[in-house]
Amino acid sequence: HVRTEKRPQDGYFFNFHYHLPEDDYQTHHTLGDVYWSKN
């Protein structure tokens, strides 16, 4: 998955993560963030 996050004062980031069946796909295993911009 990739989630769009708005961080105050920083702008928008794309948070890349994955889910596993072991925890019923609940935990976000983060792969990294990519900065978009303040728009």
PDB file of all heavy atoms in Angstrom:
ATOM      1  N   HIS A   1       0.830  -1.203   0.000  1.00  0.00           N
ATOM      2  CA  HIS A   1       0.000   0.000   0.000  1.00  0.00           C
ATOM      3  C   HIS A   1       0.866   1.255   0.000  1.00  0.00           C
ATOM      4  O   HIS A   1       2.037   1.215   0.389  1.00  0.00           O
ATOM      5  CB  HIS A   1      -0.891   0.041   1.246  1.00  0.00           C
ATOM      6  CG  HIS A   1      -1.957  -1.010   1.254  1.00  0.00           C
ATOM      7  ND1 HIS A   1      -2.742  -1.266   2.347  1.00  0.00           N
ATOM      8  CD2 HIS A   1      -2.381  -1.862   0.295  1.00  0.00           C
ATOM      9  CE1 HIS A   1      -3.596  -2.229   2.079  1.00  0.00           C
ATOM     10  NE2 HIS A   1      -3.391  -2.617   0.838  1.00  0.00           N
ATOM     11  N   VAL A   2       0.254   2.365  -0.386  1.00  0.00           N
ATOM     12  CA  VAL A   2       0.861   3.680  -0.238  1.00  0.00           C
ATOM     13  C   VAL A   2      -0.216   4.621   0.290  1.00  0.00           C
ATOM     14  O   VAL A   2      -1.337   4.638  -0.192  1.00  0.00           O
ATOM     15  CB  VAL A   2       1.482   4.201  -1.564  1.00  0.00           C
ATOM     16  CG1 VAL A   2       0.451   4.280  -2.679  1.00  0.00           C
ATOM     17  CG2 VAL A   2       2.153   5.543  -1.351  1.00  0.00           C
ATOM     18  N   ARG A   3       0.134   5.361   1.325  1.00  0.00           N
ATOM     19  CA  ARG A   3      -0.814   6.267   1.962  1.00  0.00           C
ATOM     20  C   ARG A   3      -0.296   7.692   1.828  1.00  0.00           C
ATOM     21  O   ARG A   3       0.892   7.955   2.004  1.00  0.00           O
ATOM     22  CB  ARG A   3      -0.956   5.884   3.450  1.00  0.00           C
ATOM     23  CG  ARG A   3      -1.875   6.779   4.227  1.00  0.00           C
ATOM     24  CD  ARG A   3      -2.009   6.350   5.685  1.00  0.00           C
ATOM     25  NE  ARG A   3      -0.715   6.338   6.340  1.00  0.00           N
ATOM     26  CZ  ARG A   3      -0.297   5.352   7.123  1.00  0.00           C
ATOM     27  NH1 ARG A   3      -1.041   4.308   7.354  1.00  0.00           N
ATOM     28  NH2 ARG A   3       0.894   5.428   7.685  1.00  0.00           N
ATOM     29  N   THR A   4      -1.187   8.614   1.524  1.00  0.00           N
ATOM     30  CA  THR A   4      -0.828  10.025   1.460  1.00  0.00           C
ATOM     31  C   THR A   4      -0.984  10.616   2.852  1.00  0.00           C
ATOM     32  O   THR A   4      -2.052  10.526   3.453  1.00  0.00           O
ATOM     33  CB  THR A   4      -1.735  10.778   0.470  1.00  0.00           C
ATOM     34  OG1 THR A   4      -1.658  10.130  -0.807  1.00  0.00           O
ATOM     35  CG2 THR A   4      -1.319  12.222   0.328  1.00  0.00           C
ATOM     36  N   GLU A   5       0.094  11.192   3.369  1.00  0.00           N
ATOM     37  CA  GLU A   5       0.064  11.787   4.702  1.00  0.00           C
ATOM     38  C   GLU A   5       0.362  13.274   4.608  1.00  0.00           C
ATOM     39  O   GLU A   5       1.284  13.683   3.902  1.00  0.00           O
ATOM     40  CB  GLU A   5       1.120  11.137   5.609  1.00  0.00           C
ATOM     41  CG  GLU A   5       0.884   9.687   5.892  1.00  0.00           C
ATOM     42  CD  GLU A   5       1.970   9.097   6.782  1.00  0.00           C
ATOM     43  OE1 GLU A   5       3.053   9.716   6.941  1.00  0.00           O
ATOM     44  OE2 GLU A   5       1.742   8.005   7.312  1.00  0.00           O
ATOM     45  N   LYS A   6      -0.403  14.060   5.359  1.00  0.00           N
ATOM     46  CA  LYS A   6      -0.132  15.495   5.446  1.00  0.00           C
ATOM     47  C   LYS A   6       0.483  15.763   6.809  1.00  0.00           C
ATOM     48  O   LYS A   6      -0.132  15.498   7.841  1.00  0.00           O
ATOM     49  CB  LYS A   6      -1.407  16.317   5.277  1.00  0.00           C
ATOM     50  CG  LYS A   6      -1.151  17.801   5.321  1.00  0.00           C
ATOM     51  CD  LYS A   6      -2.391  18.621   5.145  1.00  0.00           C
ATOM     52  CE  LYS A   6      -2.037  20.087   5.176  1.00  0.00           C
ATOM     53  NZ  LYS A   6      -3.226  20.925   5.098  1.00  0.00           N
ATOM     54  N   ARG A   7       1.700  16.249   6.788  1.00  0.00           N
ATOM     55  CA  ARG A   7       2.404  16.560   8.040  1.00  0.00           C
ATOM     56  C   ARG A   7       2.462  18.072   8.193  1.00  0.00           C
ATOM     57  O   ARG A   7       2.934  18.775   7.290  1.00  0.00           O
ATOM     58  CB  ARG A   7       3.813  15.963   8.006  1.00  0.00           C
ATOM     59  CG  ARG A   7       3.779  14.454   7.874  1.00  0.00           C
ATOM     60  CD  ARG A   7       5.158  13.857   7.810  1.00  0.00           C
ATOM     61  NE  ARG A   7       5.064  12.434   7.529  1.00  0.00           N
ATOM     62  CZ  ARG A   7       6.076  11.706   7.113  1.00  0.00           C
ATOM     63  NH1 ARG A   7       7.266  12.252   6.916  1.00  0.00           N
ATOM     64  NH2 ARG A   7       5.910  10.418   6.888  1.00  0.00           N
ATOM     65  N   PRO A   8       1.975  18.573   9.323  1.00  0.00           N
ATOM     66  CA  PRO A   8       1.963  20.029   9.527  1.00  0.00           C
ATOM     67  C   PRO A   8       3.360  20.631   9.352  1.00  0.00           C
ATOM     68  O   PRO A   8       4.352  20.068   9.789  1.00  0.00           O
ATOM     69  CB  PRO A   8       1.481  20.181  10.971  1.00  0.00           C
ATOM     70  CG  PRO A   8       0.772  18.903  11.282  1.00  0.00           C
ATOM     71  CD  PRO A   8       1.446  17.852  10.465  1.00  0.00           C
ATOM     72  N   GLN A   9       3.410  21.729   8.691  1.00  0.00           N
ATOM     73  CA  GLN A   9       4.634  22.488   8.417  1.00  0.00           C
ATOM     74  C   GLN A   9       5.561  21.822   7.394  1.00  0.00           C
ATOM     75  O   GLN A   9       6.455  22.468   6.881  1.00  0.00           O
ATOM     76  CB  GLN A   9       5.436  22.750   9.715  1.00  0.00           C
ATOM     77  CG  GLN A   9       4.655  23.402  10.819  1.00  0.00           C
ATOM     78  CD  GLN A   9       4.116  24.771  10.424  1.00  0.00           C
ATOM     79  OE1 GLN A   9       4.775  25.537   9.749  1.00  0.00           O
ATOM     80  NE2 GLN A   9       2.897  25.065  10.848  1.00  0.00           N
ATOM     81  N   ASP A  10       5.389  20.527   7.135  1.00  0.00           N
ATOM     82  CA  ASP A  10       6.289  19.835   6.215  1.00  0.00           C
ATOM     83  C   ASP A  10       5.678  19.620   4.839  1.00  0.00           C
ATOM     84  O   ASP A  10       6.391  19.611   3.842  1.00  0.00           O
ATOM     85  CB  ASP A  10       6.692  18.476   6.790  1.00  0.00           C
ATOM     86  CG  ASP A  10       7.599  18.613   7.997  1.00  0.00           C
ATOM     87  OD1 ASP A  10       8.274  19.654   8.124  1.00  0.00           O
ATOM     88  OD2 ASP A  10       7.610  17.682   8.821  1.00  0.00           O
ATOM     89  N   GLY A  11       4.387  19.356   4.775  1.00  0.00           N
ATOM     90  CA  GLY A  11       3.737  19.100   3.504  1.00  0.00           C
ATOM     91  C   GLY A  11       3.264  17.669   3.392  1.00  0.00           C
ATOM     92  O   GLY A  11       3.028  16.985   4.388  1.00  0.00           O
ATOM     93  N   TYR A  12       3.147  17.199   2.161  1.00  0.00           N
ATOM     94  CA  TYR A  12       2.604  15.870   1.885  1.00  0.00           C
ATOM     95  C   TYR A  12       3.712  14.862   1.613  1.00  0.00           C
ATOM     96  O   TYR A  12       4.685  15.165   0.909  1.00  0.00           O
ATOM     97  CB  TYR A  12       1.665  15.925   0.685  1.00  0.00           C
ATOM     98  CG  TYR A  12       0.362  16.615   0.982  1.00  0.00           C
ATOM     99  CD1 TYR A  12       0.232  17.982   0.788  1.00  0.00           C
ATOM    100  CD2 TYR A  12      -0.725  15.913   1.470  1.00  0.00           C
ATOM    101  CE1 TYR A  12      -0.967  18.629   1.058  1.00  0.00           C
ATOM    102  CE2 TYR A  12      -1.929  16.541   1.750  1.00  0.00           C
ATOM    103  CZ  TYR A  12      -2.040  17.899   1.546  1.00  0.00           C
ATOM    104  OH  TYR A  12      -3.224  18.524   1.822  1.00  0.00           O
ATOM    105  N   PHE A  13       3.528  13.668   2.168  1.00  0.00           N
ATOM    106  CA  PHE A  13       4.441  12.549   1.973  1.00  0.00           C
ATOM    107  C   PHE A  13       3.640  11.340   1.517  1.00  0.00           C
ATOM    108  O   PHE A  13       2.476  11.188   1.867  1.00  0.00           O
ATOM    109  CB  PHE A  13       5.159  12.184   3.276  1.00  0.00           C
ATOM    110  CG  PHE A  13       6.218  13.166   3.679  1.00  0.00           C
ATOM    111  CD1 PHE A  13       5.883  14.340   4.337  1.00  0.00           C
ATOM    112  CD2 PHE A  13       7.550  12.906   3.415  1.00  0.00           C
ATOM    113  CE1 PHE A  13       6.859  15.239   4.723  1.00  0.00           C
ATOM    114  CE2 PHE A  13       8.530  13.798   3.796  1.00  0.00           C
ATOM    115  CZ  PHE A  13       8.192  14.972   4.452  1.00  0.00           C
ATOM    116  N   PHE A  14       4.297  10.473   0.747  1.00  0.00           N
ATOM    117  CA  PHE A  14       3.712   9.181   0.399  1.00  0.00           C
ATOM    118  C   PHE A  14       4.387   8.131   1.267  1.00  0.00           C
ATOM    119  O   PHE A  14       5.607   7.935   1.191  1.00  0.00           O
ATOM    120  CB  PHE A  14       3.920   8.855  -1.079  1.00  0.00           C
ATOM    121  CG  PHE A  14       3.265   9.835  -2.011  1.00  0.00           C
ATOM    122  CD1 PHE A  14       3.991  10.456  -3.002  1.00  0.00           C
ATOM    123  CD2 PHE A  14       1.917  10.127  -1.890  1.00  0.00           C
ATOM    124  CE1 PHE A  14       3.394  11.345  -3.871  1.00  0.00           C
ATOM    125  CE2 PHE A  14       1.300  11.021  -2.755  1.00  0.00           C
ATOM    126  CZ  PHE A  14       2.041  11.642  -3.740  1.00  0.00           C
ATOM    127  N   ASN A  15       3.608   7.477   2.126  1.00  0.00           N
ATOM    128  CA  ASN A  15       4.117   6.442   3.016  1.00  0.00           C
ATOM    129  C   ASN A  15       3.880   5.073   2.386  1.00  0.00           C
ATOM    130  O   ASN A  15       2.738   4.652   2.219  1.00  0.00           O
ATOM    131  CB  ASN A  15       3.430   6.527   4.385  1.00  0.00           C
ATOM    132  CG  ASN A  15       3.782   5.356   5.268  1.00  0.00           C
ATOM    133  OD1 ASN A  15       3.018   4.407   5.392  1.00  0.00           O
ATOM    134  ND2 ASN A  15       4.949   5.426   5.869  1.00  0.00           N
ATOM    135  N   PHE A  16       4.963   4.401   2.015  1.00  0.00           N
ATOM    136  CA  PHE A  16       4.886   3.070   1.418  1.00  0.00           C
ATOM    137  C   PHE A  16       5.026   2.029   2.523  1.00  0.00           C
ATOM    138  O   PHE A  16       5.943   2.107   3.350  1.00  0.00           O
ATOM    139  CB  PHE A  16       5.996   2.885   0.373  1.00  0.00           C
ATOM    140  CG  PHE A  16       5.807   3.739  -0.840  1.00  0.00           C
ATOM    141  CD1 PHE A  16       6.306   5.034  -0.890  1.00  0.00           C
ATOM    142  CD2 PHE A  16       5.123   3.244  -1.941  1.00  0.00           C
ATOM    143  CE1 PHE A  16       6.122   5.824  -2.010  1.00  0.00           C
ATOM    144  CE2 PHE A  16       4.934   4.030  -3.064  1.00  0.00           C
ATOM    145  CZ  PHE A  16       5.433   5.322  -3.099  1.00  0.00           C
ATOM    146  N   HIS A  17       4.120   1.049   2.533  1.00  0.00           N
ATOM    147  CA  HIS A  17       4.143   0.012   3.563  1.00  0.00           C
ATOM    148  C   HIS A  17       3.504  -1.258   3.022  1.00  0.00           C
ATOM    149  O   HIS A  17       2.925  -1.262   1.944  1.00  0.00           O
ATOM    150  CB  HIS A  17       3.421   0.488   4.826  1.00  0.00           C
ATOM    151  CG  HIS A  17       1.995   0.881   4.593  1.00  0.00           C
ATOM    152  ND1 HIS A  17       1.637   2.135   4.125  1.00  0.00           N
ATOM    153  CD2 HIS A  17       0.841   0.190   4.737  1.00  0.00           C
ATOM    154  CE1 HIS A  17       0.322   2.197   4.003  1.00  0.00           C
ATOM    155  NE2 HIS A  17      -0.189   1.016   4.370  1.00  0.00           N
ATOM    156  N   TYR A  18       3.619  -2.334   3.801  1.00  0.00           N
ATOM    157  CA  TYR A  18       2.989  -3.595   3.414  1.00  0.00           C
ATOM    158  C   TYR A  18       2.349  -4.230   4.640  1.00  0.00           C
ATOM    159  O   TYR A  18       2.635  -3.857   5.777  1.00  0.00           O
ATOM    160  CB  TYR A  18       3.987  -4.547   2.736  1.00  0.00           C
ATOM    161  CG  TYR A  18       5.120  -5.043   3.603  1.00  0.00           C
ATOM    162  CD1 TYR A  18       5.025  -6.273   4.243  1.00  0.00           C
ATOM    163  CD2 TYR A  18       6.282  -4.298   3.758  1.00  0.00           C
ATOM    164  CE1 TYR A  18       6.066  -6.742   5.031  1.00  0.00           C
ATOM    165  CE2 TYR A  18       7.314  -4.757   4.537  1.00  0.00           C
ATOM    166  CZ  TYR A  18       7.212  -5.974   5.176  1.00  0.00           C
ATOM    167  OH  TYR A  18       8.232  -6.430   5.965  1.00  0.00           O
ATOM    168  N   HIS A  19       1.463  -5.180   4.372  1.00  0.00           N
ATOM    169  CA  HIS A  19       0.741  -5.899   5.418  1.00  0.00           C
ATOM    170  C   HIS A  19       0.946  -7.398   5.221  1.00  0.00           C
ATOM    171  O   HIS A  19       1.079  -7.870   4.094  1.00  0.00           O
ATOM    172  CB  HIS A  19      -0.761  -5.597   5.354  1.00  0.00           C
ATOM    173  CG  HIS A  19      -1.091  -4.148   5.512  1.00  0.00           C
ATOM    174  ND1 HIS A  19      -1.236  -3.551   6.736  1.00  0.00           N
ATOM    175  CD2 HIS A  19      -1.304  -3.176   4.585  1.00  0.00           C
ATOM    176  CE1 HIS A  19      -1.540  -2.271   6.566  1.00  0.00           C
ATOM    177  NE2 HIS A  19      -1.580  -2.022   5.266  1.00  0.00           N
ATOM    178  N   LEU A  20       0.912  -8.139   6.342  1.00  0.00           N
ATOM    179  CA  LEU A  20       1.086  -9.586   6.326  1.00  0.00           C
ATOM    180  C   LEU A  20      -0.130 -10.277   6.924  1.00  0.00           C
ATOM    181  O   LEU A  20      -0.810  -9.706   7.785  1.00  0.00           O
ATOM    182  CB  LEU A  20       2.336  -9.984   7.127  1.00  0.00           C
ATOM    183  CG  LEU A  20       3.669  -9.478   6.579  1.00  0.00           C
ATOM    184  CD1 LEU A  20       4.783  -9.711   7.587  1.00  0.00           C
ATOM    185  CD2 LEU A  20       3.986 -10.170   5.272  1.00  0.00           C
ATOM    186  N   PRO A  21      -0.397 -11.520   6.527  1.00  0.00           N
ATOM    187  CA  PRO A  21      -1.558 -12.232   7.073  1.00  0.00           C
ATOM    188  C   PRO A  21      -1.378 -12.678   8.531  1.00  0.00           C
ATOM    189  O   PRO A  21      -2.354 -12.948   9.217  1.00  0.00           O
ATOM    190  CB  PRO A  21      -1.708 -13.447   6.146  1.00  0.00           C
ATOM    191  CG  PRO A  21      -0.361 -13.642   5.544  1.00  0.00           C
ATOM    192  CD  PRO A  21       0.275 -12.284   5.486  1.00  0.00           C
ATOM    193  N   GLU A  22      -0.129 -12.741   9.012  1.00  0.00           N
ATOM    194  CA  GLU A  22       0.120 -13.228  10.372  1.00  0.00           C
ATOM    195  C   GLU A  22      -0.616 -12.414  11.432  1.00  0.00           C
ATOM    196  O   GLU A  22      -1.020 -12.942  12.460  1.00  0.00           O
ATOM    197  CB  GLU A  22       1.628 -13.232  10.688  1.00  0.00           C
ATOM    198  CG  GLU A  22       2.395 -14.325   9.988  1.00  0.00           C
ATOM    199  CD  GLU A  22       2.755 -13.970   8.546  1.00  0.00           C
ATOM    200  OE1 GLU A  22       2.876 -12.773   8.202  1.00  0.00           O
ATOM    201  OE2 GLU A  22       2.905 -14.915   7.742  1.00  0.00           O
ATOM    202  N   ASP A  23      -0.758 -11.113  11.207  1.00  0.00           N
ATOM    203  CA  ASP A  23      -1.468 -10.266  12.180  1.00  0.00           C
ATOM    204  C   ASP A  23      -2.784  -9.753  11.604  1.00  0.00           C
ATOM    205  O   ASP A  23      -3.277  -8.709  11.998  1.00  0.00           O
ATOM    206  CB  ASP A  23      -0.585  -9.112  12.639  1.00  0.00           C
ATOM    207  CG  ASP A  23      -0.210  -8.165  11.505  1.00  0.00           C
ATOM    208  OD1 ASP A  23      -0.532  -8.469  10.338  1.00  0.00           O
ATOM    209  OD2 ASP A  23       0.386  -7.124  11.787  1.00  0.00           O
ATOM    210  N   ASP A  24      -3.331 -10.524  10.667  1.00  0.00           N
ATOM    211  CA  ASP A  24      -4.592 -10.190  10.003  1.00  0.00           C
ATOM    212  C   ASP A  24      -4.512  -8.845   9.283  1.00  0.00           C
ATOM    213  O   ASP A  24      -5.464  -8.073   9.277  1.00  0.00           O
ATOM    214  CB  ASP A  24      -5.747 -10.207  11.012  1.00  0.00           C
ATOM    215  CG  ASP A  24      -7.084 -10.442  10.336  1.00  0.00           C
ATOM    216  OD1 ASP A  24      -7.103 -11.064   9.251  1.00  0.00           O
ATOM    217  OD2 ASP A  24      -8.110  -9.981  10.879  1.00  0.00           O
ATOM    218  N   TYR A  25      -3.348  -8.559   8.710  1.00  0.00           N
ATOM    219  CA  TYR A  25      -3.108  -7.374   7.877  1.00  0.00           C
ATOM    220  C   TYR A  25      -3.286  -6.061   8.649  1.00  0.00           C
ATOM    221  O   TYR A  25      -3.599  -5.034   8.061  1.00  0.00           O
ATOM    222  CB  TYR A  25      -4.004  -7.374   6.635  1.00  0.00           C
ATOM    223  CG  TYR A  25      -4.029  -8.691   5.906  1.00  0.00           C
ATOM    224  CD1 TYR A  25      -5.121  -9.536   6.020  1.00  0.00           C
ATOM    225  CD2 TYR A  25      -2.959  -9.091   5.124  1.00  0.00           C
ATOM    226  CE1 TYR A  25      -5.144 -10.754   5.360  1.00  0.00           C
ATOM    227  CE2 TYR A  25      -2.974 -10.309   4.470  1.00  0.00           C
ATOM    228  CZ  TYR A  25      -4.066 -11.140   4.582  1.00  0.00           C
ATOM    229  OH  TYR A  25      -4.089 -12.349   3.940  1.00  0.00           O
ATOM    230  N   GLN A  26      -3.075  -6.056   9.950  1.00  0.00           N
ATOM    231  CA  GLN A  26      -3.291  -4.864  10.757  1.00  0.00           C
ATOM    232  C   GLN A  26      -2.050  -3.964  10.839  1.00  0.00           C
ATOM    233  O   GLN A  26      -2.162  -2.753  10.763  1.00  0.00           O
ATOM    234  CB  GLN A  26      -3.734  -5.253  12.178  1.00  0.00           C
ATOM    235  CG  GLN A  26      -5.079  -5.950  12.221  1.00  0.00           C
ATOM    236  CD  GLN A  26      -6.191  -5.100  11.647  1.00  0.00           C
ATOM    237  OE1 GLN A  26      -6.315  -3.923  11.976  1.00  0.00           O
ATOM    238  NE2 GLN A  26      -6.989  -5.675  10.767  1.00  0.00           N
ATOM    239  N   THR A  27      -0.871  -4.542  11.018  1.00  0.00           N
ATOM    240  CA  THR A  27       0.349  -3.766  11.224  1.00  0.00           C
ATOM    241  C   THR A  27       0.873  -3.202   9.906  1.00  0.00           C
ATOM    242  O   THR A  27       0.920  -3.905   8.903  1.00  0.00           O
ATOM    243  CB  THR A  27       1.444  -4.651  11.867  1.00  0.00           C
ATOM    244  OG1 THR A  27       0.924  -5.217  13.061  1.00  0.00           O
ATOM    245  CG2 THR A  27       2.683  -3.847  12.172  1.00  0.00           C
ATOM    246  N   HIS A  28       1.263  -1.932   9.955  1.00  0.00           N
ATOM    247  CA  HIS A  28       1.915  -1.299   8.814  1.00  0.00           C
ATOM    248  C   HIS A  28       3.417  -1.552   8.940  1.00  0.00           C
ATOM    249  O   HIS A  28       4.051  -1.060   9.857  1.00  0.00           O
ATOM    250  CB  HIS A  28       1.663   0.212   8.804  1.00  0.00           C
ATOM    251  CG  HIS A  28       0.294   0.600   8.410  1.00  0.00           C
ATOM    252  ND1 HIS A  28      -0.796   0.458   9.231  1.00  0.00           N
ATOM    253  CD2 HIS A  28      -0.176   1.138   7.260  1.00  0.00           C
ATOM    254  CE1 HIS A  28      -1.879   0.895   8.621  1.00  0.00           C
ATOM    255  NE2 HIS A  28      -1.537   1.310   7.421  1.00  0.00           N
ATOM    256  N   HIS A  29       3.973  -2.307   8.007  1.00  0.00           N
ATOM    257  CA  HIS A  29       5.420  -2.519   7.960  1.00  0.00           C
ATOM    258  C   HIS A  29       5.967  -1.498   6.970  1.00  0.00           C
ATOM    259  O   HIS A  29       5.860  -1.670   5.754  1.00  0.00           O
ATOM    260  CB  HIS A  29       5.738  -3.951   7.521  1.00  0.00           C
ATOM    261  CG  HIS A  29       5.152  -4.991   8.414  1.00  0.00           C
ATOM    262  ND1 HIS A  29       5.773  -5.423   9.565  1.00  0.00           N
ATOM    263  CD2 HIS A  29       3.983  -5.671   8.341  1.00  0.00           C
ATOM    264  CE1 HIS A  29       5.019  -6.347  10.153  1.00  0.00           C
ATOM    265  NE2 HIS A  29       3.917  -6.505   9.427  1.00  0.00           N
ATOM    266  N   THR A  30       6.545  -0.441   7.493  1.00  0.00           N
ATOM    267  CA  THR A  30       6.943   0.703   6.677  1.00  0.00           C
ATOM    268  C   THR A  30       8.158   0.388   5.814  1.00  0.00           C
ATOM    269  O   THR A  30       9.142  -0.177   6.286  1.00  0.00           O
ATOM    270  CB  THR A  30       7.238   1.921   7.575  1.00  0.00           C
ATOM    271  OG1 THR A  30       6.058   2.224   8.318  1.00  0.00           O
ATOM    272  CG2 THR A  30       7.638   3.133   6.756  1.00  0.00           C
ATOM    273  N   LEU A  31       8.059   0.789   4.554  1.00  0.00           N
ATOM    274  CA  LEU A  31       9.163   0.663   3.608  1.00  0.00           C
ATOM    275  C   LEU A  31       9.899   1.983   3.448  1.00  0.00           C
ATOM    276  O   LEU A  31      11.083   2.000   3.140  1.00  0.00           O
ATOM    277  CB  LEU A  31       8.641   0.210   2.243  1.00  0.00           C
ATOM    278  CG  LEU A  31       7.993  -1.169   2.205  1.00  0.00           C
ATOM    279  CD1 LEU A  31       7.228  -1.365   0.907  1.00  0.00           C
ATOM    280  CD2 LEU A  31       9.043  -2.241   2.365  1.00  0.00           C
ATOM    281  N   GLY A  32       9.195   3.082   3.627  1.00  0.00           N
ATOM    282  CA  GLY A  32       9.805   4.395   3.501  1.00  0.00           C
ATOM    283  C   GLY A  32       8.798   5.443   3.084  1.00  0.00           C
ATOM    284  O   GLY A  32       7.641   5.139   2.767  1.00  0.00           O
ATOM    285  N   ASP A  33       9.249   6.689   3.126  1.00  0.00           N
ATOM    286  CA  ASP A  33       8.418   7.828   2.754  1.00  0.00           C
ATOM    287  C   ASP A  33       9.068   8.578   1.596  1.00  0.00           C
ATOM    288  O   ASP A  33      10.288   8.683   1.518  1.00  0.00           O
ATOM    289  CB  ASP A  33       8.251   8.792   3.934  1.00  0.00           C
ATOM    290  CG  ASP A  33       7.508   8.177   5.102  1.00  0.00           C
ATOM    291  OD1 ASP A  33       6.651   7.309   4.859  1.00  0.00           O
ATOM    292  OD2 ASP A  33       7.783   8.556   6.251  1.00  0.00           O
ATOM    293  N   VAL A  34       8.221   9.118   0.722  1.00  0.00           N
ATOM    294  CA  VAL A  34       8.682   9.954  -0.383  1.00  0.00           C
ATOM    295  C   VAL A  34       7.952  11.289  -0.264  1.00  0.00           C
ATOM    296  O   VAL A  34       6.725  11.325  -0.169  1.00  0.00           O
ATOM    297  CB  VAL A  34       8.396   9.295  -1.754  1.00  0.00           C
ATOM    298  CG1 VAL A  34       8.748  10.239  -2.890  1.00  0.00           C
ATOM    299  CG2 VAL A  34       9.160   7.982  -1.884  1.00  0.00           C
ATOM    300  N   TYR A  35       8.728  12.372  -0.263  1.00  0.00           N
ATOM    301  CA  TYR A  35       8.146  13.711  -0.136  1.00  0.00           C
ATOM    302  C   TYR A  35       7.509  14.133  -1.445  1.00  0.00           C
ATOM    303  O   TYR A  35       8.077  13.936  -2.526  1.00  0.00           O
ATOM    304  CB  TYR A  35       9.231  14.709   0.272  1.00  0.00           C
ATOM    305  CG  TYR A  35       8.739  16.129   0.371  1.00  0.00           C
ATOM    306  CD1 TYR A  35       7.896  16.523   1.407  1.00  0.00           C
ATOM    307  CD2 TYR A  35       9.104  17.077  -0.569  1.00  0.00           C
ATOM    308  CE1 TYR A  35       7.437  17.828   1.514  1.00  0.00           C
ATOM    309  CE2 TYR A  35       8.650  18.382  -0.482  1.00  0.00           C
ATOM    310  CZ  TYR A  35       7.819  18.752   0.559  1.00  0.00           C
ATOM    311  OH  TYR A  35       7.364  20.045   0.646  1.00  0.00           O
ATOM    312  N   TRP A  36       6.311  14.725  -1.348  1.00  0.00           N
ATOM    313  CA  TRP A  36       5.633  15.266  -2.535  1.00  0.00           C
ATOM    314  C   TRP A  36       5.889  16.757  -2.621  1.00  0.00           C
ATOM    315  O   TRP A  36       6.671  17.214  -3.433  1.00  0.00           O
ATOM    316  CB  TRP A  36       4.136  14.954  -2.484  1.00  0.00           C
ATOM    317  CG  TRP A  36       3.354  15.638  -3.563  1.00  0.00           C
ATOM    318  CD1 TRP A  36       2.519  16.699  -3.422  1.00  0.00           C
ATOM    319  CD2 TRP A  36       3.367  15.326  -4.962  1.00  0.00           C
ATOM    320  NE1 TRP A  36       2.008  17.077  -4.641  1.00  0.00           N
ATOM    321  CE2 TRP A  36       2.509  16.242  -5.602  1.00  0.00           C
ATOM    322  CE3 TRP A  36       4.017  14.372  -5.722  1.00  0.00           C
ATOM    323  CZ2 TRP A  36       2.292  16.215  -6.976  1.00  0.00           C
ATOM    324  CZ3 TRP A  36       3.793  14.355  -7.088  1.00  0.00           C
ATOM    325  CH2 TRP A  36       2.939  15.279  -7.702  1.00  0.00           C
ATOM    326  N   SER A  37       5.200  17.544  -1.831  1.00  0.00           N
ATOM    327  CA  SER A  37       5.398  18.994  -1.724  1.00  0.00           C
ATOM    328  C   SER A  37       4.391  19.507  -0.697  1.00  0.00           C
ATOM    329  O   SER A  37       3.674  18.729  -0.076  1.00  0.00           O
ATOM    330  CB  SER A  37       5.205  19.697  -3.074  1.00  0.00           C
ATOM    331  OG  SER A  37       3.831  19.774  -3.398  1.00  0.00           O
ATOM    332  N   LYS A  38       4.294  20.799  -0.554  1.00  0.00           N
ATOM    333  CA  LYS A  38       3.295  21.360   0.366  1.00  0.00           C
ATOM    334  C   LYS A  38       1.921  21.443  -0.292  1.00  0.00           C
ATOM    335  O   LYS A  38       0.924  21.640   0.375  1.00  0.00           O
ATOM    336  CB  LYS A  38       3.736  22.739   0.852  1.00  0.00           C
ATOM    337  CG  LYS A  38       4.951  22.663   1.737  1.00  0.00           C
ATOM    338  CD  LYS A  38       5.184  23.919   2.518  1.00  0.00           C
ATOM    339  CE  LYS A  38       6.386  23.699   3.425  1.00  0.00           C
ATOM    340  NZ  LYS A  38       6.351  24.494   4.604  1.00  0.00           N
ATOM    341  N   ASN A  39       1.879  21.286  -1.612  1.00  0.00           N
ATOM    342  CA  ASN A  39       0.603  21.294  -2.342  1.00  0.00           C
ATOM    343  C   ASN A  39      -0.037  19.917  -2.294  1.00  0.00           C
ATOM    344  O   ASN A  39       0.642  18.892  -2.252  1.00  0.00           O
ATOM    345  CB  ASN A  39       0.828  21.694  -3.798  1.00  0.00           C
ATOM    346  CG  ASN A  39       1.393  23.091  -3.907  1.00  0.00           C
ATOM    347  OD1 ASN A  39       1.091  23.975  -3.114  1.00  0.00           O
ATOM    348  ND2 ASN A  39       2.268  23.295  -4.883  1.00  0.00           N
TER     349      ASN A  39
END
